[in-house]
N, C-alpha and C. Protein backbone atom coordinates (compact mmCIF):
# COMPACT_ATOMS: atom_id res chain seq x y z
N MET A 1 0.40 -1.56 -0.18
CA MET A 1 0.20 0.03 -0.22
C MET A 1 0.57 1.42 0.39
N ASP A 2 0.63 2.08 -1.31
CA ASP A 2 1.37 3.26 -0.42
C ASP A 2 1.20 4.48 -0.23
N ASP A 3 1.51 5.33 0.01
CA ASP A 3 0.84 7.21 0.62
C ASP A 3 -0.64 7.67 0.69
N GLN A 4 -0.82 7.29 -0.71
CA GLN A 4 -1.93 8.01 -0.92
C GLN A 4 -2.99 6.97 -0.73
N GLN A 5 -2.85 5.90 -0.64
CA GLN A 5 -3.97 5.04 0.13
C GLN A 5 -4.00 4.99 1.10
N TYR A 6 -3.19 5.46 1.60
CA TYR A 6 -2.74 5.18 3.22
C TYR A 6 -3.49 6.49 3.72
N PHE A 7 -3.57 7.04 2.83
CA PHE A 7 -3.64 9.07 3.18
C PHE A 7 -5.56 8.64 3.08
N ARG A 8 -6.46 7.96 1.83
CA ARG A 8 -7.49 7.87 1.85
C ARG A 8 -7.93 6.68 3.09
N ILE A 9 -7.33 6.05 3.45
CA ILE A 9 -7.92 5.00 4.79
C ILE A 9 -8.01 6.05 5.71
N ALA A 10 -7.00 7.49 6.11
CA ALA A 10 -7.02 7.59 6.72
C ALA A 10 -8.07 8.59 6.79
N VAL A 11 -8.79 9.21 5.70
CA VAL A 11 -9.80 10.78 5.00
C VAL A 11 -11.73 8.92 6.07
N LEU A 12 -11.03 7.89 5.09
CA LEU A 12 -12.54 7.53 4.77
C LEU A 12 -12.76 7.27 6.43
N ILE A 13 -11.28 7.11 7.67
CA ILE A 13 -12.15 6.52 8.84
C ILE A 13 -12.09 8.05 10.05
N ARG A 14 -11.71 9.13 9.21
CA ARG A 14 -12.15 9.60 9.36
C ARG A 14 -13.57 10.65 9.24
N LYS A 15 -14.58 10.31 8.21
CA LYS A 15 -15.46 10.53 7.71
C LYS A 15 -16.19 9.96 8.08
N SER A 16 -16.04 8.50 8.50
CA SER A 16 -16.49 7.73 9.01
C SER A 16 -17.55 8.16 10.29
N PHE A 17 -16.59 9.17 11.20
CA PHE A 17 -16.61 9.25 12.66
C PHE A 17 -17.42 10.39 12.48
N LYS A 18 -17.91 11.07 11.54
CA LYS A 18 -18.61 12.39 11.01
C LYS A 18 -20.40 11.95 10.20
N GLN A 19 -20.19 11.53 9.61
CA GLN A 19 -20.93 10.75 8.81
C GLN A 19 -21.06 9.44 8.05
N PRO A 20 -22.46 8.90 7.91
CA PRO A 20 -22.21 7.07 7.22
C PRO A 20 -21.52 7.26 5.94
N LEU A 21 -21.16 6.84 5.25
CA LEU A 21 -20.01 6.24 3.96
C LEU A 21 -20.59 5.82 3.02
N ASN A 22 -20.69 7.12 1.60
CA ASN A 22 -20.81 5.89 0.47
C ASN A 22 -20.92 4.74 -0.50
N ALA A 23 -21.32 4.26 -0.83
CA ALA A 23 -21.40 2.73 -1.22
C ALA A 23 -19.84 1.89 -1.09
N ALA A 24 -18.90 2.89 -2.29
CA ALA A 24 -17.63 3.04 -2.73
C ALA A 24 -16.99 2.89 -1.46
N GLU A 25 -17.17 4.02 -1.11
CA GLU A 25 -16.29 4.08 0.46
C GLU A 25 -16.53 3.47 1.39
N GLN A 26 -17.57 2.80 1.91
CA GLN A 26 -17.26 1.18 2.44
C GLN A 26 -17.00 0.26 2.31
N GLU A 27 -17.05 0.47 1.29
CA GLU A 27 -16.50 -0.84 -0.32
C GLU A 27 -14.74 -0.60 0.43
N ALA A 28 -14.30 0.58 -0.44
CA ALA A 28 -12.79 0.25 0.23
C ALA A 28 -12.22 0.09 2.25
N LEU A 29 -13.05 0.72 2.42
CA LEU A 29 -13.06 0.40 4.58
C LEU A 29 -12.83 -0.99 4.21
N GLU A 30 -13.65 -1.29 3.84
CA GLU A 30 -14.39 -3.20 4.53
C GLU A 30 -12.85 -3.85 3.45
N ALA A 31 -12.30 -4.40 2.56
CA ALA A 31 -11.54 -4.58 1.53
C ALA A 31 -10.40 -4.67 2.86
N TRP A 32 -10.18 -2.98 2.89
CA TRP A 32 -9.23 -2.83 3.97
C TRP A 32 -9.16 -2.87 5.43
N LEU A 33 -9.99 -3.20 6.02
CA LEU A 33 -10.08 -4.30 7.76
C LEU A 33 -10.19 -5.23 7.26
N ALA A 34 -10.72 -6.01 6.05
CA ALA A 34 -10.56 -7.72 5.83
C ALA A 34 -9.04 -7.91 5.79
N ASP A 35 -8.18 -6.80 5.38
CA ASP A 35 -6.90 -7.13 4.81
C ASP A 35 -5.69 -7.46 5.89
N ASP A 36 -6.20 -7.50 6.75
CA ASP A 36 -5.11 -7.65 7.65
C ASP A 36 -5.63 -7.23 9.31
N GLN A 37 -5.64 -7.92 10.42
CA GLN A 37 -6.17 -8.12 11.60
C GLN A 37 -5.92 -6.96 12.32
N ARG A 38 -4.30 -6.87 11.82
CA ARG A 38 -4.47 -5.33 12.39
C ARG A 38 -5.19 -3.73 12.67
N ASN A 39 -5.98 -3.56 11.53
CA ASN A 39 -6.20 -2.64 10.33
C ASN A 39 -7.75 -2.89 11.09
N ARG A 40 -8.37 -4.03 10.97
CA ARG A 40 -9.27 -4.15 12.21
C ARG A 40 -9.15 -3.43 13.59
N LYS A 41 -8.66 -4.26 14.10
CA LYS A 41 -8.04 -3.98 15.47
C LYS A 41 -7.90 -2.43 15.97
N LEU A 42 -7.05 -1.74 15.05
CA LEU A 42 -6.35 -0.05 15.19
C LEU A 42 -8.25 0.67 15.11
N PHE A 43 -9.16 -0.01 13.77
CA PHE A 43 -10.56 0.96 14.13
C PHE A 43 -11.78 0.76 14.19
N GLU A 44 -11.45 -0.42 15.11
CA GLU A 44 -12.35 -0.95 16.22
C GLU A 44 -11.84 -0.12 17.46
N GLU A 45 -10.36 0.48 18.16
CA GLU A 45 -10.13 0.78 18.79
C GLU A 45 -10.27 2.98 18.75
N LEU A 46 -10.00 2.91 17.12
CA LEU A 46 -11.00 4.11 17.40
C LEU A 46 -12.23 4.66 17.47
N MET A 47 -12.64 3.78 17.34
CA MET A 47 -14.01 3.86 17.17
C MET A 47 -15.19 3.88 18.47
N GLN A 48 -13.77 2.54 19.16
CA GLN A 48 -13.96 2.43 20.67
C GLN A 48 -13.84 3.96 21.83
N SER A 49 -12.92 4.36 21.59
CA SER A 49 -12.42 5.41 21.80
C SER A 49 -13.43 7.08 21.59
N GLY A 50 -13.72 7.24 20.24
CA GLY A 50 -14.56 8.36 19.60
C GLY A 50 -12.90 9.14 19.68
N ASP A 51 -11.41 8.76 19.68
CA ASP A 51 -11.17 9.79 19.80
C ASP A 51 -10.22 10.00 18.20
N PHE A 52 -9.87 10.40 17.11
CA PHE A 52 -8.88 10.17 15.69
C PHE A 52 -8.05 10.80 16.32
N SER A 53 -8.21 12.16 16.55
CA SER A 53 -7.72 13.08 17.14
C SER A 53 -5.15 12.62 17.38
N ALA A 54 -5.77 12.77 17.84
CA ALA A 54 -4.58 10.95 17.80
C ALA A 54 -3.99 10.01 16.37
N TYR A 55 -4.53 9.25 16.62
CA TYR A 55 -4.78 9.09 14.48
C TYR A 55 -4.12 10.34 14.01
N GLU A 56 -4.99 11.07 13.87
CA GLU A 56 -5.02 11.63 13.02
C GLU A 56 -2.96 12.45 12.75
N SER A 57 -2.84 13.09 13.91
CA SER A 57 -1.94 14.21 14.61
C SER A 57 -0.84 13.15 13.88
N SER A 58 -0.77 12.02 14.53
CA SER A 58 1.06 10.84 13.66
C SER A 58 0.39 10.22 13.06
N PHE A 59 -0.25 10.81 11.79
CA PHE A 59 -0.91 10.40 10.35
C PHE A 59 0.13 11.66 10.02
N LEU A 60 -0.35 12.40 9.66
CA LEU A 60 0.25 14.18 9.56
C LEU A 60 1.39 14.40 9.41
N GLU A 61 2.27 13.26 10.41
CA GLU A 61 3.70 13.57 10.57
C GLU A 61 4.45 12.81 9.64
N ILE A 62 4.17 11.46 9.64
CA ILE A 62 4.67 11.95 7.66
C ILE A 62 5.34 12.27 7.36
N ASP A 63 6.42 12.25 6.95
CA ASP A 63 7.16 12.60 6.06
C ASP A 63 6.94 11.11 4.39
N THR A 64 6.29 12.32 3.92
CA THR A 64 6.27 11.94 1.81
C THR A 64 7.53 11.86 1.48
């Protein structure tokens, strides 16, 4: 997965906190969740905590 794909997933996760995803977005997120058990674990932790800001901050610090 390249940086653009990671960014896209981050956008989808953030969006899912605020509003429903459309069918294509939901499909992309579900594919990422199914790709690796760690992805699902991260997503579930974010959803349970309700705090995307720490994840978002760490993602924005990545030097591309």
